[in-house]
Amino acid sequence: MTSTELKASLRSIYITAAKEVDCGDGRKAIILYVPFKLLKSVNKIHQRLVRELEKKFSGRHVLIVGQRTILGKSFNRNQKTSGPRPRSRTLTAVQDAILEDICYPTEIVGKRTRVKLDGKRIVKVYLDSKDQANVEGRTDTFAAVYGKLTNKQVSFQFQ
């Protein structure tokens, strides 16, 4: 695909926000927020778009995340709202979706939550081993970005 074909598919896509995150060891990552409704069309050109943007911002990883809404527990008790809060707007559902977005081209095969004796929780995420060559160098970035966005510790392994 040439840059003109990529440009044509980018016409309908826009970015709502961008954030630069420090990943430790002097590395930085750029998070691009895209409206949730456009996320499916962004994912079609995700790999080419990320490759071009990483060339542009040399030395930085680029991640694309959908802009999602979290509704509090009091949502269904509010007089103005109609009906209960959708499951897709809960805190855990949004955090799981952010994890999916961060790892996008790779599939998450499994998740385990390990609770240590001091109460710390570490989520172990198992990624598909067929994409290991492409994603291996980015797992530290994935963990750092997810930690910044959700305040949860996560470690990635391949299975």
C-alpha atoms as a PDB file:
ATOM      1  CA  MET A   1       0.000   0.000   0.000  1.00  0.00           C
ATOM      2  CA  THR A   2       1.377   3.348  -1.006  1.00  0.00           C
ATOM      3  CA  SER A   3       1.130   6.544   0.978  1.00  0.00           C
ATOM      4  CA  THR A   4      -1.641   7.840  -1.319  1.00  0.00           C
ATOM      5  CA  GLU A   5      -3.780   4.767  -0.552  1.00  0.00           C
ATOM      6  CA  LEU A   6      -3.065   5.240   3.149  1.00  0.00           C
ATOM      7  CA  LYS A   7      -4.001   8.911   2.862  1.00  0.00           C
ATOM      8  CA  ALA A   8      -7.338   7.999   1.273  1.00  0.00           C
ATOM      9  CA  SER A   9      -8.242   5.653   4.116  1.00  0.00           C
ATOM     10  CA  LEU A  10      -7.204   8.286   6.690  1.00  0.00           C
ATOM     11  CA  ARG A  11      -9.729  10.850   5.442  1.00  0.00           C
ATOM     12  CA  SER A  12     -12.560   9.604   7.661  1.00  0.00           C
ATOM     13  CA  ILE A  13     -10.351   9.157  10.740  1.00  0.00           C
ATOM     14  CA  TYR A  14      -9.478  11.778  13.323  1.00  0.00           C
ATOM     15  CA  ILE A  15      -7.638  11.799  16.661  1.00  0.00           C
ATOM     16  CA  THR A  16      -9.303  13.212  19.774  1.00  0.00           C
ATOM     17  CA  ALA A  17      -6.188  13.394  21.953  1.00  0.00           C
ATOM     18  CA  ALA A  18      -2.514  12.484  22.077  1.00  0.00           C
ATOM     19  CA  LYS A  19      -0.421  11.847  25.158  1.00  0.00           C
ATOM     20  CA  GLU A  20       3.288  11.233  25.616  1.00  0.00           C
ATOM     21  CA  VAL A  21       4.135   8.709  28.319  1.00  0.00           C
ATOM     22  CA  ASP A  22       7.530   8.015  29.875  1.00  0.00           C
ATOM     23  CA  CYS A  23       8.238   4.271  29.801  1.00  0.00           C
ATOM     24  CA  GLY A  24      11.404   4.312  31.926  1.00  0.00           C
ATOM     25  CA  ASP A  25      15.008   3.920  30.733  1.00  0.00           C
ATOM     26  CA  GLY A  26      14.614   7.185  28.832  1.00  0.00           C
ATOM     27  CA  ARG A  27      12.099   5.668  26.403  1.00  0.00           C
ATOM     28  CA  LYS A  28       8.846   7.386  25.527  1.00  0.00           C
ATOM     29  CA  ALA A  29       5.606   6.255  23.945  1.00  0.00           C
ATOM     30  CA  ILE A  30       2.877   8.240  22.242  1.00  0.00           C
ATOM     31  CA  ILE A  31      -0.747   7.284  22.896  1.00  0.00           C
ATOM     32  CA  LEU A  32      -3.272   8.390  20.292  1.00  0.00           C
ATOM     33  CA  TYR A  33      -6.916   8.467  21.348  1.00  0.00           C
ATOM     34  CA  VAL A  34      -9.457   7.739  18.633  1.00  0.00           C
ATOM     35  CA  PRO A  35     -13.264   7.909  19.039  1.00  0.00           C
ATOM     36  CA  PHE A  36     -14.660   4.483  19.869  1.00  0.00           C
ATOM     37  CA  LYS A  37     -16.935   4.479  16.809  1.00  0.00           C
ATOM     38  CA  LEU A  38     -13.932   4.930  14.491  1.00  0.00           C
ATOM     39  CA  LEU A  39     -11.756   2.317  16.207  1.00  0.00           C
ATOM     40  CA  LYS A  40     -12.829  -0.503  13.878  1.00  0.00           C
ATOM     41  CA  SER A  41     -11.863   1.470  10.765  1.00  0.00           C
ATOM     42  CA  VAL A  42      -8.562   2.534  12.383  1.00  0.00           C
ATOM     43  CA  ASN A  43      -7.743  -1.099  13.154  1.00  0.00           C
ATOM     44  CA  LYS A  44      -7.966  -1.948   9.436  1.00  0.00           C
ATOM     45  CA  ILE A  45      -4.955   0.279   8.717  1.00  0.00           C
ATOM     46  CA  HIS A  46      -3.440   0.024  12.214  1.00  0.00           C
ATOM     47  CA  GLN A  47      -0.143  -1.644  11.344  1.00  0.00           C
ATOM     48  CA  ARG A  48       0.708   0.619   8.399  1.00  0.00           C
ATOM     49  CA  LEU A  49      -0.340   3.735  10.308  1.00  0.00           C
ATOM     50  CA  VAL A  50       1.749   2.830  13.358  1.00  0.00           C
ATOM     51  CA  ARG A  51       4.756   1.992  11.182  1.00  0.00           C
ATOM     52  CA  GLU A  52       4.564   5.379   9.419  1.00  0.00           C
ATOM     53  CA  LEU A  53       4.079   7.295  12.686  1.00  0.00           C
ATOM     54  CA  GLU A  54       7.002   5.484  14.352  1.00  0.00           C
ATOM     55  CA  LYS A  55       9.192   6.519  11.411  1.00  0.00           C
ATOM     56  CA  LYS A  56       8.030  10.102  11.930  1.00  0.00           C
ATOM     57  CA  PHE A  57       8.552  10.089  15.730  1.00  0.00           C
ATOM     58  CA  SER A  58      11.873   8.263  15.724  1.00  0.00           C
ATOM     59  CA  GLY A  59      12.616   6.151  18.786  1.00  0.00           C
ATOM     60  CA  ARG A  60       9.080   6.320  20.180  1.00  0.00           C
ATOM     61  CA  HIS A  61       6.455   3.609  20.161  1.00  0.00           C
ATOM     62  CA  VAL A  62       3.002   4.668  18.971  1.00  0.00           C
ATOM     63  CA  LEU A  63      -0.135   3.107  20.480  1.00  0.00           C
ATOM     64  CA  ILE A  64      -3.729   3.700  19.382  1.00  0.00           C
ATOM     65  CA  VAL A  65      -6.451   3.486  22.039  1.00  0.00           C
ATOM     66  CA  GLY A  66     -10.196   4.000  21.759  1.00  0.00           C
ATOM     67  CA  GLN A  67     -11.742   6.887  23.698  1.00  0.00           C
ATOM     68  CA  ARG A  68     -14.170   5.187  26.071  1.00  0.00           C
ATOM     69  CA  THR A  69     -16.541   6.407  28.781  1.00  0.00           C
ATOM     70  CA  ILE A  70     -16.571   5.075  32.335  1.00  0.00           C
ATOM     71  CA  LEU A  71     -19.851   5.508  34.165  1.00  0.00           C
ATOM     72  CA  GLY A  72     -19.858   5.373  37.959  1.00  0.00           C
ATOM     73  CA  LYS A  73     -21.918   3.036  40.118  1.00  0.00           C
ATOM     74  CA  SER A  74     -24.382   5.809  40.891  1.00  0.00           C
ATOM     75  CA  PHE A  75     -25.391   6.043  37.225  1.00  0.00           C
ATOM     76  CA  ASN A  76     -28.440   3.771  37.549  1.00  0.00           C
ATOM     77  CA  ARG A  77     -29.678   5.569  40.690  1.00  0.00           C
ATOM     78  CA  ASN A  78     -29.682   8.927  38.940  1.00  0.00           C
ATOM     79  CA  GLN A  79     -33.144  10.303  38.074  1.00  0.00           C
ATOM     80  CA  LYS A  80     -32.063  11.669  34.694  1.00  0.00           C
ATOM     81  CA  THR A  81     -30.777   8.391  33.249  1.00  0.00           C
ATOM     82  CA  SER A  82     -32.957   5.843  31.559  1.00  0.00           C
ATOM     83  CA  GLY A  83     -32.173   2.246  32.419  1.00  0.00           C
ATOM     84  CA  PRO A  84     -29.187   0.610  34.055  1.00  0.00           C
ATOM     85  CA  ARG A  85     -25.575   1.331  33.168  1.00  0.00           C
ATOM     86  CA  PRO A  86     -24.303  -0.728  30.209  1.00  0.00           C
ATOM     87  CA  ARG A  87     -21.685  -3.353  30.998  1.00  0.00           C
ATOM     88  CA  SER A  88     -19.346  -1.828  28.410  1.00  0.00           C
ATOM     89  CA  ARG A  89     -19.150   1.381  30.474  1.00  0.00           C
ATOM     90  CA  THR A  90     -18.008  -0.220  33.742  1.00  0.00           C
ATOM     91  CA  LEU A  91     -14.493   0.428  35.035  1.00  0.00           C
ATOM     92  CA  THR A  92     -13.296  -3.161  34.569  1.00  0.00           C
ATOM     93  CA  ALA A  93     -14.773  -3.459  31.064  1.00  0.00           C
ATOM     94  CA  VAL A  94     -13.089  -0.223  29.973  1.00  0.00           C
ATOM     95  CA  GLN A  95      -9.750  -1.266  31.488  1.00  0.00           C
ATOM     96  CA  ASP A  96      -9.930  -4.659  29.736  1.00  0.00           C
ATOM     97  CA  ALA A  97     -10.743  -2.912  26.466  1.00  0.00           C
ATOM     98  CA  ILE A  98      -7.764  -0.566  26.920  1.00  0.00           C
ATOM     99  CA  LEU A  99      -5.543  -3.627  27.364  1.00  0.00           C
ATOM    100  CA  GLU A 100      -6.933  -5.095  24.124  1.00  0.00           C
ATOM    101  CA  ASP A 101      -6.303  -1.799  22.307  1.00  0.00           C
ATOM    102  CA  ILE A 102      -2.727  -1.499  23.557  1.00  0.00           C
ATOM    103  CA  CYS A 103      -1.811  -5.008  22.344  1.00  0.00           C
ATOM    104  CA  TYR A 104      -3.972  -4.702  19.222  1.00  0.00           C
ATOM    105  CA  PRO A 105      -2.363  -6.588  16.368  1.00  0.00           C
ATOM    106  CA  THR A 106      -1.648  -9.424  18.809  1.00  0.00           C
ATOM    107  CA  GLU A 107      -4.418 -11.419  20.417  1.00  0.00           C
ATOM    108  CA  ILE A 108      -4.634 -11.912  24.157  1.00  0.00           C
ATOM    109  CA  VAL A 109      -4.831 -15.672  24.740  1.00  0.00           C
ATOM    110  CA  GLY A 110      -5.263 -15.640  28.518  1.00  0.00           C
ATOM    111  CA  LYS A 111      -5.105 -13.595  31.704  1.00  0.00           C
ATOM    112  CA  ARG A 112      -4.230 -14.519  35.260  1.00  0.00           C
ATOM    113  CA  THR A 113      -4.343 -12.266  38.316  1.00  0.00           C
ATOM    114  CA  ARG A 114      -1.728 -13.034  40.944  1.00  0.00           C
ATOM    115  CA  VAL A 115      -2.328 -11.617  44.410  1.00  0.00           C
ATOM    116  CA  LYS A 116       0.817 -11.488  46.540  1.00  0.00           C
ATOM    117  CA  LEU A 117       0.851 -11.842  50.315  1.00  0.00           C
ATOM    118  CA  ASP A 118       1.133  -8.080  50.804  1.00  0.00           C
ATOM    119  CA  GLY A 119      -2.042  -7.537  48.736  1.00  0.00           C
ATOM    120  CA  LYS A 120      -0.384  -6.395  45.513  1.00  0.00           C
ATOM    121  CA  ARG A 121      -2.087  -7.607  42.357  1.00  0.00           C
ATOM    122  CA  ILE A 122      -0.160  -8.435  39.211  1.00  0.00           C
ATOM    123  CA  VAL A 123      -2.033  -9.290  36.041  1.00  0.00           C
ATOM    124  CA  LYS A 124      -0.197 -11.760  33.821  1.00  0.00           C
ATOM    125  CA  VAL A 125      -1.291 -11.420  30.215  1.00  0.00           C
ATOM    126  CA  TYR A 126      -0.537 -14.218  27.767  1.00  0.00           C
ATOM    127  CA  LEU A 127      -0.149 -13.056  24.178  1.00  0.00           C
ATOM    128  CA  ASP A 128      -0.360 -15.196  21.051  1.00  0.00           C
ATOM    129  CA  SER A 129       3.070 -16.671  20.283  1.00  0.00           C
ATOM    130  CA  LYS A 130       2.640 -16.353  16.483  1.00  0.00           C
ATOM    131  CA  ASP A 131       3.214 -12.575  16.819  1.00  0.00           C
ATOM    132  CA  GLN A 132       6.137 -12.914  19.215  1.00  0.00           C
ATOM    133  CA  ALA A 133       8.750 -11.695  16.710  1.00  0.00           C
ATOM    134  CA  ASN A 134       6.805  -8.479  15.988  1.00  0.00           C
ATOM    135  CA  VAL A 135       5.789  -7.626  19.557  1.00  0.00           C
ATOM    136  CA  GLU A 136       8.681  -8.867  21.717  1.00  0.00           C
ATOM    137  CA  GLY A 137      10.442  -5.480  21.930  1.00  0.00           C
ATOM    138  CA  ARG A 138       7.230  -3.608  22.710  1.00  0.00           C
ATOM    139  CA  THR A 139       5.977  -5.566  25.739  1.00  0.00           C
ATOM    140  CA  ASP A 140       7.797  -3.295  28.203  1.00  0.00           C
ATOM    141  CA  THR A 141       6.132  -0.300  26.557  1.00  0.00           C
ATOM    142  CA  PHE A 142       2.736  -2.026  26.743  1.00  0.00           C
ATOM    143  CA  ALA A 143       3.193  -2.658  30.477  1.00  0.00           C
ATOM    144  CA  ALA A 144       4.353   0.902  31.198  1.00  0.00           C
ATOM    145  CA  VAL A 145       1.522   2.521  29.237  1.00  0.00           C
ATOM    146  CA  TYR A 146      -1.149   0.273  30.763  1.00  0.00           C
ATOM    147  CA  GLY A 147       0.262   1.033  34.207  1.00  0.00           C
ATOM    148  CA  LYS A 148       0.061   4.782  33.550  1.00  0.00           C
ATOM    149  CA  LEU A 149      -3.503   4.620  32.213  1.00  0.00           C
ATOM    150  CA  THR A 150      -5.032   2.264  34.799  1.00  0.00           C
ATOM    151  CA  ASN A 151      -2.629   2.118  37.788  1.00  0.00           C
ATOM    152  CA  LYS A 152      -2.466  -1.677  37.427  1.00  0.00           C
ATOM    153  CA  GLN A 153       0.717  -3.725  37.246  1.00  0.00           C
ATOM    154  CA  VAL A 154       0.828  -6.047  34.274  1.00  0.00           C
ATOM    155  CA  SER A 155       3.376  -8.455  32.812  1.00  0.00           C
ATOM    156  CA  PHE A 156       3.284  -9.952  29.331  1.00  0.00           C
ATOM    157  CA  GLN A 157       4.260 -13.474  28.312  1.00  0.00           C
ATOM    158  CA  PHE A 158       3.856 -15.497  25.144  1.00  0.00           C
ATOM    159  CA  GLN A 159       1.932 -18.734  24.983  1.00  0.00           C
END
